[in-house]
N, C-alpha and C. Protein backbone atom coordinates (compact mmCIF):
# COMPACT_ATOMS: atom_id res chain seq x y z
N GLY A 1 0.93 -1.32 -0.09
CA GLY A 1 -0.14 0.13 0.07
C GLY A 1 0.69 1.44 0.52
N LEU A 2 -0.01 2.26 -0.62
CA LEU A 2 1.31 3.49 -0.37
C LEU A 2 0.04 4.86 -0.52
N GLN A 3 0.12 6.24 -0.13
CA GLN A 3 -0.40 7.31 0.31
C GLN A 3 -0.58 7.91 -1.03
N LEU A 4 -1.24 8.52 -1.56
CA LEU A 4 -0.63 9.42 -3.26
C LEU A 4 -0.74 10.70 -2.70
N ALA A 5 -0.59 11.31 -3.39
CA ALA A 5 -0.48 12.75 -3.15
C ALA A 5 -1.73 13.13 -2.85
N SER A 6 -2.76 13.26 -3.42
CA SER A 6 -3.86 13.47 -2.69
C SER A 6 -4.16 12.75 -1.49
N GLY A 7 -3.23 11.97 -0.43
CA GLY A 7 -3.52 11.43 0.73
C GLY A 7 -4.09 10.30 0.96
N THR A 8 -4.87 9.55 -0.58
CA THR A 8 -5.82 8.93 -0.92
C THR A 8 -5.03 7.71 -0.44
N MET A 9 -5.12 6.45 0.35
CA MET A 9 -4.28 5.35 0.54
C MET A 9 -4.68 4.66 -0.50
N THR A 10 -3.95 3.35 -0.99
CA THR A 10 -4.26 2.75 -2.00
C THR A 10 -3.08 1.77 -2.25
N ASN A 11 -3.70 0.56 -2.93
CA ASN A 11 -2.92 -1.14 -2.91
C ASN A 11 -3.04 -1.25 -4.38
N VAL A 12 -1.50 -1.50 -4.67
CA VAL A 12 -1.28 -1.36 -6.58
C VAL A 12 -0.84 -2.12 -6.67
N GLY A 13 -1.05 -2.84 -7.67
CA GLY A 13 -0.47 -4.27 -8.31
C GLY A 13 -0.75 -4.33 -9.74
N TYR A 14 -0.43 -5.05 -10.70
CA TYR A 14 -0.12 -5.27 -11.79
C TYR A 14 -0.45 -6.35 -12.34
N ASP A 15 -1.47 -6.20 -13.12
CA ASP A 15 -1.56 -7.69 -13.81
C ASP A 15 -0.93 -8.02 -14.74
N ARG A 16 -0.24 -8.99 -15.27
CA ARG A 16 0.83 -8.80 -16.02
C ARG A 16 0.46 -9.31 -17.64
N GLU A 17 -1.20 -10.41 -17.72
CA GLU A 17 -1.80 -10.61 -19.28
C GLU A 17 -2.47 -9.42 -19.48
N ARG A 18 -2.61 -8.75 -18.95
CA ARG A 18 -3.18 -7.54 -19.13
C ARG A 18 -2.69 -5.72 -19.28
N ASN A 19 -1.33 -6.60 -18.91
CA ASN A 19 0.11 -5.20 -19.00
C ASN A 19 -1.26 -3.76 -18.54
N ALA A 20 -1.72 -4.08 -16.89
CA ALA A 20 -2.45 -2.79 -16.63
C ALA A 20 -2.21 -3.09 -15.25
N PHE A 21 -1.63 -1.93 -14.92
CA PHE A 21 -2.04 -1.94 -13.36
C PHE A 21 -3.63 -1.18 -13.01
N TRP A 22 -3.18 -2.15 -11.54
CA TRP A 22 -4.31 -1.52 -11.00
C TRP A 22 -4.83 -1.07 -9.41
N MET A 23 -5.47 -0.29 -8.95
CA MET A 23 -5.62 0.43 -7.87
C MET A 23 -6.78 0.30 -6.86
N VAL A 24 -6.34 -0.94 -5.20
CA VAL A 24 -7.42 -0.89 -4.82
C VAL A 24 -7.51 0.06 -3.36
N PRO A 25 -8.31 1.64 -3.58
CA PRO A 25 -8.37 2.51 -2.16
C PRO A 25 -9.08 1.76 -1.22
N CYS A 26 -8.11 2.27 0.01
CA CYS A 26 -8.68 1.42 0.96
C CYS A 26 -8.34 3.24 2.21
N GLU A 27 -9.27 2.68 3.35
CA GLU A 27 -9.41 3.47 4.94
C GLU A 27 -7.68 3.75 5.30
N TYR A 28 -7.78 5.21 5.54
CA TYR A 28 -6.38 5.40 6.22
C TYR A 28 -6.40 5.62 8.02
N VAL A 29 -5.95 4.77 8.80
CA VAL A 29 -5.83 4.83 9.87
C VAL A 29 -4.30 5.18 10.71
N PRO A 30 -4.52 6.25 10.61
CA PRO A 30 -3.15 6.56 11.50
C PRO A 30 -2.25 6.18 12.65
N VAL A 31 -2.35 5.14 12.70
CA VAL A 31 -1.29 4.08 13.68
C VAL A 31 -0.46 3.41 12.91
N SER A 32 0.41 2.45 13.75
CA SER A 32 1.05 1.53 13.20
C SER A 32 1.56 0.34 14.00
N TYR A 33 0.99 -1.03 13.65
CA TYR A 33 0.99 -2.01 14.38
C TYR A 33 1.75 -2.85 13.35
N PRO A 34 3.01 -3.59 14.03
CA PRO A 34 4.51 -5.13 13.63
C PRO A 34 3.06 -5.79 13.36
N GLY A 35 3.23 -6.17 12.32
CA GLY A 35 2.21 -7.63 11.76
C GLY A 35 1.42 -7.48 10.62
N THR A 36 1.10 -6.05 10.42
CA THR A 36 0.03 -5.81 9.96
C THR A 36 0.23 -6.47 7.59
N GLY A 37 1.72 -6.29 8.15
CA GLY A 37 1.88 -6.45 6.36
C GLY A 37 1.65 -8.05 6.08
N ASP A 38 2.05 -9.31 7.44
CA ASP A 38 1.77 -10.35 7.27
C ASP A 38 0.08 -10.18 7.18
N ILE A 39 -0.34 -9.81 7.58
CA ILE A 39 -2.52 -10.00 7.95
C ILE A 39 -2.40 -9.87 6.36
N TYR A 40 -2.11 -8.83 5.85
CA TYR A 40 -2.55 -8.71 4.45
C TYR A 40 -2.08 -9.41 3.81
N ALA A 41 -1.39 -10.28 3.63
CA ALA A 41 -1.15 -11.12 2.54
C ALA A 41 -1.44 -12.51 3.06
N SER A 42 -1.20 -12.66 4.51
CA SER A 42 -2.34 -13.81 4.59
C SER A 42 -3.59 -14.13 3.93
N ALA A 43 -4.49 -12.84 4.24
CA ALA A 43 -5.62 -12.55 3.68
C ALA A 43 -5.85 -12.53 2.50
N PHE A 44 -4.70 -11.76 1.57
CA PHE A 44 -5.32 -11.92 -0.16
C PHE A 44 -4.55 -13.40 -0.42
N THR A 45 -3.75 -14.24 0.24
CA THR A 45 -3.76 -15.40 -0.09
C THR A 45 -4.95 -16.34 -0.04
N GLY A 46 -5.57 -15.97 1.03
CA GLY A 46 -6.41 -16.79 1.65
C GLY A 46 -8.02 -16.64 0.93
N ALA A 47 -7.61 -15.58 0.06
CA ALA A 47 -8.99 -14.96 -0.57
C ALA A 47 -8.86 -15.61 -2.18
N LEU A 48 -7.57 -15.78 -2.81
CA LEU A 48 -7.10 -15.98 -4.06
C LEU A 48 -7.29 -17.11 -3.96
N MET A 49 -6.98 -17.83 -3.11
CA MET A 49 -7.15 -19.94 -2.78
C MET A 49 -8.73 -19.88 -2.81
N ASN A 50 -9.58 -18.67 -2.61
CA ASN A 50 -11.07 -18.92 -2.44
C ASN A 50 -11.35 -18.34 -4.02
N ASP A 51 -11.32 -18.92 -4.78
CA ASP A 51 -11.65 -17.98 -6.04
C ASP A 51 -11.19 -16.90 -6.30
N LYS A 52 -10.64 -15.92 -5.64
CA LYS A 52 -11.36 -14.16 -5.70
C LYS A 52 -9.90 -13.93 -7.04
N SER A 53 -10.43 -13.00 -7.57
CA SER A 53 -9.90 -12.64 -8.59
C SER A 53 -8.63 -11.46 -7.94
N MET A 54 -7.19 -11.27 -8.43
CA MET A 54 -6.81 -10.34 -7.82
C MET A 54 -6.96 -8.96 -7.39
N PHE A 55 -7.73 -8.54 -8.34
CA PHE A 55 -8.32 -7.09 -7.45
C PHE A 55 -9.24 -7.37 -6.38
N GLU A 56 -10.07 -8.24 -6.37
CA GLU A 56 -10.80 -8.91 -5.01
C GLU A 56 -10.14 -8.98 -3.78
N ALA A 57 -9.32 -9.88 -3.91
CA ALA A 57 -8.25 -10.26 -3.22
C ALA A 57 -7.54 -9.30 -2.78
N ALA A 58 -7.35 -7.78 -3.06
CA ALA A 58 -6.03 -7.22 -2.93
C ALA A 58 -7.57 -6.25 -1.74
N LYS A 59 -8.95 -5.72 -2.29
CA LYS A 59 -9.57 -5.51 -1.51
C LYS A 59 -10.17 -6.12 -0.45
N ILE A 60 -10.45 -7.61 -0.26
CA ILE A 60 -10.28 -8.16 1.05
C ILE A 60 -9.78 -8.00 2.01
N ALA A 61 -8.16 -7.86 1.29
CA ALA A 61 -6.81 -8.03 2.34
C ALA A 61 -6.96 -6.58 3.14
N ALA A 62 -7.11 -5.26 2.39
CA ALA A 62 -7.44 -4.18 2.06
C ALA A 62 -8.11 -3.85 3.55
N ASP A 63 -9.80 -4.23 3.30
CA ASP A 63 -10.74 -4.33 4.35
C ASP A 63 -10.66 -4.96 5.72
N TYR A 64 -9.87 -5.86 5.54
CA TYR A 64 -9.68 -6.91 6.70
C TYR A 64 -8.55 -6.46 7.12
N THR A 65 -7.39 -5.88 6.83
CA THR A 65 -6.56 -4.88 7.58
C THR A 65 -6.92 -3.81 8.60
N VAL A 66 -7.27 -3.02 7.27
CA VAL A 66 -8.17 -1.88 8.66
C VAL A 66 -9.13 -2.50 9.51
N LYS A 67 -9.95 -2.95 9.12
CA LYS A 67 -10.42 -3.89 10.40
C LYS A 67 -9.76 -4.49 11.87
N CYS A 68 -8.95 -4.87 11.55
CA CYS A 68 -7.97 -5.37 12.56
C CYS A 68 -7.50 -4.49 13.02
N ILE A 69 -7.43 -3.21 12.40
CA ILE A 69 -6.45 -2.15 13.04
C ILE A 69 -7.01 -1.58 13.76
N ILE A 70 -8.27 -1.05 13.48
CA ILE A 70 -9.08 0.17 14.06
C ILE A 70 -9.32 -1.03 15.21
N ASN A 71 -9.85 -2.50 15.28
CA ASN A 71 -10.06 -3.21 16.36
C ASN A 71 -9.00 -3.33 17.08
N THR A 72 -7.77 -2.80 17.06
CA THR A 72 -6.65 -2.76 18.14
C THR A 72 -6.48 -1.62 18.45
N GLN A 73 -6.73 -0.14 18.00
CA GLN A 73 -7.06 1.03 18.40
C GLN A 73 -7.62 1.11 19.80
N GLY A 74 -6.74 2.11 20.76
CA GLY A 74 -7.10 2.43 22.38
C GLY A 74 -6.46 0.91 23.02
N ASP A 75 -6.15 -0.22 22.88
CA ASP A 75 -6.17 -1.55 23.27
C ASP A 75 -4.58 -1.18 24.04
N ALA A 76 -4.21 -0.15 25.44
CA ALA A 76 -2.20 0.46 25.48
C ALA A 76 -2.10 -1.81 25.93
N ASP A 77 -2.80 -2.46 26.19
CA ASP A 77 -2.83 -3.51 26.62
C ASP A 77 -1.71 -4.64 24.94
N HIS A 78 -2.44 -4.30 23.74
CA HIS A 78 -1.63 -4.71 23.01
C HIS A 78 -0.95 -4.07 22.02
N TRP A 79 0.41 -4.10 22.30
CA TRP A 79 1.32 -3.61 21.44
C TRP A 79 1.60 -4.42 20.82
N TYR A 80 1.86 -5.35 21.26
CA TYR A 80 2.02 -6.17 19.96
C TYR A 80 2.86 -6.67 18.44
N GLY A 81 1.37 -6.11 18.31
CA GLY A 81 0.73 -6.64 16.51
C GLY A 81 -1.07 -6.09 16.77
N ALA A 82 -1.42 -6.39 15.65
CA ALA A 82 -2.87 -5.69 15.20
C ALA A 82 -3.46 -7.48 16.04
N LYS A 83 -4.97 -6.54 16.38
CA LYS A 83 -5.76 -7.71 16.90
C LYS A 83 -6.49 -8.25 15.63
N PHE A 84 -5.69 -9.30 14.93
CA PHE A 84 -6.19 -10.04 13.69
C PHE A 84 -7.67 -11.28 13.96
N GLU A 85 -7.68 -11.67 15.13
CA GLU A 85 -8.71 -12.66 15.77
C GLU A 85 -9.94 -11.76 15.88
N THR A 86 -9.90 -10.85 16.44
CA THR A 86 -11.50 -10.15 16.78
C THR A 86 -12.38 -9.44 15.09
N ALA A 87 -11.56 -9.73 14.29
CA ALA A 87 -12.28 -9.30 12.89
C ALA A 87 -11.94 -11.06 11.79
N LEU A 88 -11.84 -12.30 12.13
CA LEU A 88 -11.87 -12.97 11.08
C LEU A 88 -13.68 -13.56 11.30
N ARG A 89 -14.44 -13.38 11.53
CA ARG A 89 -15.43 -13.49 11.19
C ARG A 89 -15.80 -12.39 9.81
N ASP A 90 -15.98 -11.08 10.00
CA ASP A 90 -15.21 -10.39 9.15
C ASP A 90 -14.62 -11.00 8.00
N LEU A 91 -13.37 -11.57 7.86
CA LEU A 91 -13.03 -11.85 6.91
C LEU A 91 -13.44 -13.08 5.98
N ILE A 92 -14.51 -14.13 7.45
CA ILE A 92 -15.16 -15.40 6.31
C ILE A 92 -16.08 -14.69 5.75
N ASP A 93 -16.65 -13.40 6.49
CA ASP A 93 -18.14 -12.56 5.82
C ASP A 93 -17.29 -12.26 4.21
N MET A 94 -16.67 -11.90 4.20
CA MET A 94 -15.97 -11.12 3.03
C MET A 94 -15.74 -12.07 1.81
N LEU A 95 -15.36 -13.26 2.36
CA LEU A 95 -15.28 -14.60 1.22
C LEU A 95 -16.37 -15.18 0.61
N ASP A 96 -17.56 -15.23 1.19
CA ASP A 96 -17.88 -15.29 0.84
C ASP A 96 -18.97 -14.76 -0.67
């Protein structure tokens, strides 16, 4: 993911077969937790393995990662990573 000059957060991918880039915008949450890249990669791979397109998988992974970050905000005892467990039901629903 990256932040565009406009301030919008987005994930960018490249479709080699179509020779085209694609972007999936996502909500920006102004905090940082270790492991969010792992959360994104796992959700992305899981979505691909559930027959989602690369674009759909990127959207699911971004939305799930943002949900995990939001669920972690304000919990001073949970400093070691984002709470991915609390959003697993959301991820399952996104895969349906």
